[in-house]
Structures are given as C-alpha cells and as structure tokens.
N, C-alpha and C. Protein backbone atom coordinates (compact mmCIF):
# COMPACT_ATOMS: atom_id res chain seq x y z
N MET A 1 13.66 8.51 2.20
CA MET A 1 12.82 9.10 2.20
C MET A 1 12.53 10.45 0.31
N ALA A 2 11.56 10.00 -0.67
CA ALA A 2 11.13 11.46 -1.40
C ALA A 2 10.64 12.47 -0.78
N ILE A 3 10.97 13.80 -0.74
CA ILE A 3 10.34 15.23 -1.04
C ILE A 3 9.74 15.75 -2.28
N ILE A 4 8.04 16.02 -1.33
CA ILE A 4 6.99 16.55 -2.31
C ILE A 4 6.98 18.13 -1.43
N ALA A 5 6.07 18.46 -2.65
CA ALA A 5 5.59 20.38 -2.22
C ALA A 5 4.35 19.83 -2.21
N VAL A 6 4.20 20.12 -1.14
CA VAL A 6 2.53 21.07 -0.98
C VAL A 6 2.74 21.64 -0.71
N THR A 7 1.48 23.11 -1.41
CA THR A 7 1.52 24.43 -1.28
C THR A 7 1.88 25.14 -0.30
N GLY A 8 3.42 25.28 -1.52
CA GLY A 8 4.23 25.79 -0.80
C GLY A 8 5.87 25.31 -0.28
N TYR A 9 5.04 24.17 0.91
CA TYR A 9 6.15 24.27 1.16
C TYR A 9 6.39 22.82 1.43
N ALA A 10 7.82 21.95 1.59
CA ALA A 10 8.87 20.63 1.18
C ALA A 10 8.23 19.65 2.50
N ILE A 11 7.67 18.73 2.41
CA ILE A 11 7.55 17.68 3.22
C ILE A 11 8.39 16.50 3.36
N ALA A 12 8.71 15.97 4.40
CA ALA A 12 9.59 14.29 3.96
C ALA A 12 8.14 13.03 3.55
N ALA A 13 8.10 12.47 2.47
CA ALA A 13 6.99 11.77 2.74
C ALA A 13 7.96 10.64 3.47
N ASN A 14 7.39 9.52 3.70
CA ASN A 14 7.70 9.10 4.63
C ASN A 14 7.37 6.73 3.57
N GLU A 15 7.73 5.94 4.22
CA GLU A 15 8.16 4.72 2.92
C GLU A 15 7.56 3.70 4.23
N HIS A 16 6.23 2.94 4.04
CA HIS A 16 6.06 1.59 4.63
C HIS A 16 5.93 0.58 4.74
N ILE A 17 6.71 -0.21 5.06
CA ILE A 17 6.57 -2.17 3.88
C ILE A 17 5.45 -1.79 5.10
N VAL A 18 4.76 -3.24 4.26
CA VAL A 18 3.96 -4.34 4.16
C VAL A 18 4.53 -5.09 3.85
N ILE A 19 4.58 -5.88 5.11
CA ILE A 19 4.76 -7.58 4.80
C ILE A 19 3.75 -8.75 4.04
N GLN A 20 3.52 -9.66 2.82
CA GLN A 20 2.74 -10.50 2.15
C GLN A 20 3.37 -11.82 2.34
N LYS A 21 2.91 -12.46 4.28
CA LYS A 21 3.52 -13.95 4.50
C LYS A 21 2.33 -14.71 4.60
N ASP A 22 1.82 -16.35 4.65
CA ASP A 22 0.86 -17.03 5.23
C ASP A 22 -0.22 -16.62 4.75
N LYS A 23 -0.63 -15.76 3.49
CA LYS A 23 -1.62 -15.46 3.17
C LYS A 23 -2.16 -14.13 3.79
N HIS A 24 -1.42 -13.09 4.03
CA HIS A 24 -1.56 -12.02 5.10
C HIS A 24 -0.72 -10.84 5.34
N PHE A 25 -1.54 -9.42 4.86
CA PHE A 25 -0.68 -8.74 5.02
C PHE A 25 -0.43 -8.19 5.96
N SER A 26 0.70 -7.69 7.18
CA SER A 26 1.13 -7.85 8.29
C SER A 26 0.81 -7.18 9.60
N VAL A 27 -0.15 -6.15 8.18
CA VAL A 27 -0.82 -5.00 9.09
C VAL A 27 -2.74 -5.36 8.77
N LYS A 28 -3.56 -4.68 9.42
CA LYS A 28 -4.80 -5.19 9.29
C LYS A 28 -5.15 -3.60 8.88
N ILE A 29 -4.12 -2.62 9.57
CA ILE A 29 -5.22 -1.02 9.21
C ILE A 29 -3.61 -0.22 9.02
N LEU A 30 -3.43 0.44 8.30
CA LEU A 30 -2.27 1.20 8.22
C LEU A 30 -2.15 2.50 8.68
N THR A 31 -1.81 3.73 9.88
CA THR A 31 -2.29 4.73 9.00
C THR A 31 -1.10 6.12 8.63
N VAL A 32 -1.35 6.91 7.32
CA VAL A 32 -0.28 6.69 6.43
C VAL A 32 -0.27 8.24 6.74
N LYS A 33 0.64 9.04 6.13
CA LYS A 33 -0.03 10.79 5.58
C LYS A 33 0.44 10.81 3.57
N VAL A 34 -1.19 12.14 3.51
CA VAL A 34 -0.46 11.91 1.60
C VAL A 34 0.59 12.38 1.16
N GLY A 35 0.72 12.03 0.34
CA GLY A 35 2.44 11.84 0.23
C GLY A 35 2.95 10.61 0.49
N ASP A 36 3.40 10.04 1.27
CA ASP A 36 3.46 8.35 1.93
C ASP A 36 3.10 7.89 1.05
N TRP A 37 5.09 6.56 0.84
CA TRP A 37 4.11 6.04 -0.06
C TRP A 37 3.53 4.06 1.14
N VAL A 38 3.92 3.39 -0.08
CA VAL A 38 3.26 1.81 0.87
C VAL A 38 3.99 0.75 0.31
N SER A 39 5.22 0.12 0.21
CA SER A 39 5.98 -0.99 -0.54
C SER A 39 4.85 -1.57 0.00
N PHE A 40 4.12 -3.21 -0.37
CA PHE A 40 3.96 -4.40 -0.25
C PHE A 40 5.26 -5.42 -0.78
N LYS A 41 5.37 -6.34 0.29
CA LYS A 41 6.74 -7.08 -0.30
C LYS A 41 5.99 -8.46 0.62
N ASN A 42 6.17 -9.20 -0.77
CA ASN A 42 6.08 -10.50 -1.10
C ASN A 42 7.37 -12.03 0.29
N ASP A 43 7.18 -12.05 1.12
CA ASP A 43 7.42 -12.85 2.05
C ASP A 43 6.62 -14.22 1.39
N ASP A 44 6.22 -15.30 1.02
CA ASP A 44 5.96 -16.25 0.76
C ASP A 44 6.64 -17.17 -0.65
N ALA A 45 5.96 -17.70 -1.15
CA ALA A 45 6.46 -18.45 -2.13
C ALA A 45 5.91 -18.64 -3.30
N PHE A 46 4.84 -18.08 -2.52
CA PHE A 46 3.72 -18.46 -4.37
C PHE A 46 3.90 -16.46 -4.86
N PHE A 47 2.88 -16.47 -5.63
CA PHE A 47 2.63 -14.76 -5.89
C PHE A 47 1.37 -15.04 -5.42
N HIS A 48 1.54 -13.07 -5.61
CA HIS A 48 0.72 -12.38 -4.51
C HIS A 48 0.29 -10.70 -5.32
N ASN A 49 -1.19 -10.65 -5.44
CA ASN A 49 -1.10 -8.94 -6.28
C ASN A 49 -1.68 -8.16 -4.80
N VAL A 50 -1.80 -7.01 -5.88
CA VAL A 50 -2.47 -6.01 -4.69
C VAL A 50 -3.45 -5.08 -5.34
N PHE A 51 -4.24 -4.90 -4.99
CA PHE A 51 -5.68 -3.98 -5.37
C PHE A 51 -6.42 -3.05 -4.52
N SER A 52 -7.16 -1.98 -5.00
CA SER A 52 -7.89 -1.25 -4.32
C SER A 52 -8.51 -0.83 -5.74
N LEU A 53 -10.03 -0.49 -5.01
CA LEU A 53 -10.85 -0.02 -5.78
C LEU A 53 -11.71 0.69 -5.06
N SER A 54 -11.09 1.17 -3.74
CA SER A 54 -11.75 2.14 -3.03
C SER A 54 -11.66 3.93 -4.19
N ASP A 55 -13.06 4.29 -3.17
CA ASP A 55 -12.73 6.01 -4.54
C ASP A 55 -11.78 6.99 -3.75
N ALA A 56 -11.56 6.32 -3.15
CA ALA A 56 -10.09 7.16 -2.67
C ALA A 56 -9.09 7.19 -2.93
N GLN A 57 -8.49 6.42 -3.20
CA GLN A 57 -7.65 5.99 -4.33
C GLN A 57 -7.60 4.20 -5.06
N SER A 58 -7.66 4.46 -6.34
CA SER A 58 -8.22 2.73 -7.45
C SER A 58 -6.21 2.79 -7.02
N PHE A 59 -5.83 0.99 -7.38
CA PHE A 59 -5.09 1.21 -8.21
C PHE A 59 -4.77 -0.83 -8.53
N ASP A 60 -4.14 -1.19 -9.46
CA ASP A 60 -3.69 -1.89 -9.12
C ASP A 60 -2.39 -2.74 -9.56
N LEU A 61 -1.23 -2.46 -7.97
CA LEU A 61 -0.49 -3.03 -8.77
C LEU A 61 -0.12 -4.16 -9.09
N GLY A 62 -0.69 -5.29 -9.65
CA GLY A 62 -0.02 -5.94 -10.61
C GLY A 62 0.55 -7.78 -9.03
N SER A 63 0.72 -8.39 -9.88
CA SER A 63 1.31 -10.06 -10.15
C SER A 63 2.62 -9.90 -8.98
N HIS A 64 3.63 -10.10 -7.76
CA HIS A 64 4.57 -10.35 -8.05
C HIS A 64 4.93 -11.54 -7.40
N GLY A 65 5.80 -11.92 -7.62
CA GLY A 65 6.63 -13.32 -6.65
C GLY A 65 6.64 -13.39 -5.52
N GLN A 66 7.87 -14.27 -4.94
CA GLN A 66 8.38 -14.60 -3.40
C GLN A 66 10.05 -13.33 -3.45
N GLY A 67 9.94 -11.96 -2.29
CA GLY A 67 11.34 -11.60 -2.07
C GLY A 67 10.98 -9.91 -3.31
N GLN A 68 9.78 -9.59 -4.21
CA GLN A 68 9.85 -8.90 -5.12
C GLN A 68 8.88 -7.64 -4.25
N ALA A 69 8.78 -6.96 -3.99
CA ALA A 69 7.80 -6.22 -3.54
C ALA A 69 7.55 -4.78 -4.84
N ARG A 70 6.33 -4.34 -4.52
CA ARG A 70 5.91 -2.86 -5.27
C ARG A 70 4.95 -2.35 -4.27
N ARG A 71 4.73 -0.37 -4.84
CA ARG A 71 4.35 0.02 -4.06
C ARG A 71 3.31 1.42 -4.64
N VAL A 72 3.62 2.05 -3.85
CA VAL A 72 2.61 3.18 -4.54
C VAL A 72 2.43 4.28 -3.18
N GLN A 73 2.13 4.94 -3.73
CA GLN A 73 2.15 6.65 -2.77
C GLN A 73 1.24 6.86 -3.06
N MET A 74 0.47 7.52 -1.39
CA MET A 74 -0.55 7.83 -1.26
C MET A 74 -1.01 9.30 -2.15
N ALA A 75 -2.35 9.33 -2.59
CA ALA A 75 -2.69 10.41 -3.31
C ALA A 75 -3.20 11.94 -2.31
N LYS A 76 -5.14 10.78 -2.09
CA LYS A 76 -5.32 11.47 -1.05
C LYS A 76 -6.52 11.72 0.32
N GLU A 77 -6.53 12.64 1.09
CA GLU A 77 -7.59 11.80 2.16
C GLU A 77 -8.63 10.44 2.28
N GLY A 78 -7.80 9.88 2.98
CA GLY A 78 -9.51 8.62 2.95
C GLY A 78 -9.34 7.58 3.27
N THR A 79 -10.36 6.44 2.95
CA THR A 79 -10.16 4.89 3.80
C THR A 79 -10.16 4.73 2.37
N VAL A 80 -9.18 3.99 2.57
CA VAL A 80 -8.48 2.73 1.16
C VAL A 80 -8.35 1.45 1.56
N ASP A 81 -9.19 0.74 1.04
CA ASP A 81 -8.74 -0.80 1.13
C ASP A 81 -8.03 -1.60 -0.01
N ILE A 82 -7.46 -2.01 0.42
CA ILE A 82 -6.75 -2.93 0.36
C ILE A 82 -6.50 -4.92 0.21
N GLU A 83 -6.65 -5.16 -1.21
CA GLU A 83 -7.18 -6.87 -1.26
C GLU A 83 -5.67 -7.11 -2.42
N CYS A 84 -5.56 -8.83 -2.09
CA CYS A 84 -4.75 -9.70 -2.61
C CYS A 84 -6.19 -9.90 -3.94
N ALA A 85 -5.89 -9.48 -6.14
CA ALA A 85 -6.44 -10.46 -6.35
C ALA A 85 -6.74 -11.78 -5.76
N ILE A 86 -5.79 -12.75 -5.39
CA ILE A 86 -5.48 -14.31 -5.92
C ILE A 86 -5.52 -15.64 -4.07
N HIS A 87 -6.03 -14.63 -3.05
CA HIS A 87 -5.82 -14.40 -2.36
C HIS A 87 -6.77 -13.60 -1.61
N PRO A 88 -8.69 -13.64 -1.83
CA PRO A 88 -9.26 -12.97 -1.82
C PRO A 88 -9.04 -12.49 -0.08
N GLU A 89 -9.18 -13.85 0.62
CA GLU A 89 -9.62 -13.60 2.02
C GLU A 89 -8.03 -12.43 2.71
N MET A 90 -7.21 -12.25 2.26
CA MET A 90 -6.32 -11.20 2.49
C MET A 90 -6.70 -8.93 2.56
N LYS A 91 -7.19 -8.71 3.31
CA LYS A 91 -7.52 -7.28 3.40
C LYS A 91 -6.91 -6.57 4.00
N MET A 92 -6.71 -5.41 3.44
CA MET A 92 -6.17 -4.65 4.82
C MET A 92 -7.30 -3.41 4.61
N GLN A 93 -6.53 -2.56 5.38
CA GLN A 93 -7.32 -0.96 5.23
C GLN A 93 -6.02 -0.63 5.88
N ILE A 94 -5.95 0.81 5.00
CA ILE A 94 -5.16 2.10 4.72
C ILE A 94 -5.22 3.48 5.56
N LYS A 95 -5.25 4.14 6.11
CA LYS A 95 -6.23 4.72 6.47
C LYS A 95 -5.35 6.04 6.03
N VAL A 96 -5.90 7.27 5.27
CA VAL A 96 -4.49 8.48 4.89
C VAL A 96 -4.79 10.01 5.09
N MET A 97 -3.99 10.51 5.76
CA MET A 97 -4.44 11.30 7.11
C MET A 97 -3.71 13.09 6.21
N LYS A 98 -3.95 13.60 6.52
CA LYS A 98 -3.84 15.20 6.03
C LYS A 98 -2.32 15.09 7.03
C-alpha cells in the first residue's frame, strides 16, 4: 500500500487487480479513488496490452506475457476507457472518484 499526500494530509492508496483471461478483463467497470493503483495481470498464454486514450488519463502500459502484470496510478477524477491493442474486443472502464 502506498501513501500519497493530498492537500496537506496523507491517505492510503489502494491497489486493485484486474485479470486478463480468455480475451476479457475480469471486470467491465471498476470504481477507484484518485491515487489508487490498478494492476492488469495476464492469465492467458498469449500477450495482452493495456492502454487508454481518455481525456481523464491517457497511457500505454505496453504488451506483457502470461503471468506478467502492468500497473498504473489513477491521477485524477473522471472516466478512463481501457482497451487492449492486440484484442480490440477487450474493453473496460475505470471510474476514478475523489
């Protein structure tokens, strides 16, 4: 668990784990708080990618193989649409709240 400072006081950041299995994310919608981490773990025997082009937060975590994970910290409030560049049918949303 990470500690982050927000407007003069410290809060604990949580980590949420999303599994990539059978060309699906384990959740369709995930609600987290600003500062939380989201880890994407590949449980398939082939590569996956995780990226977002959302205004709330854009990133590309690159490709990762079976058993590997990539993580991102949610920096600001908003809705983040997540996709896999390798499997375009893989989609989910992260709703980031204060």
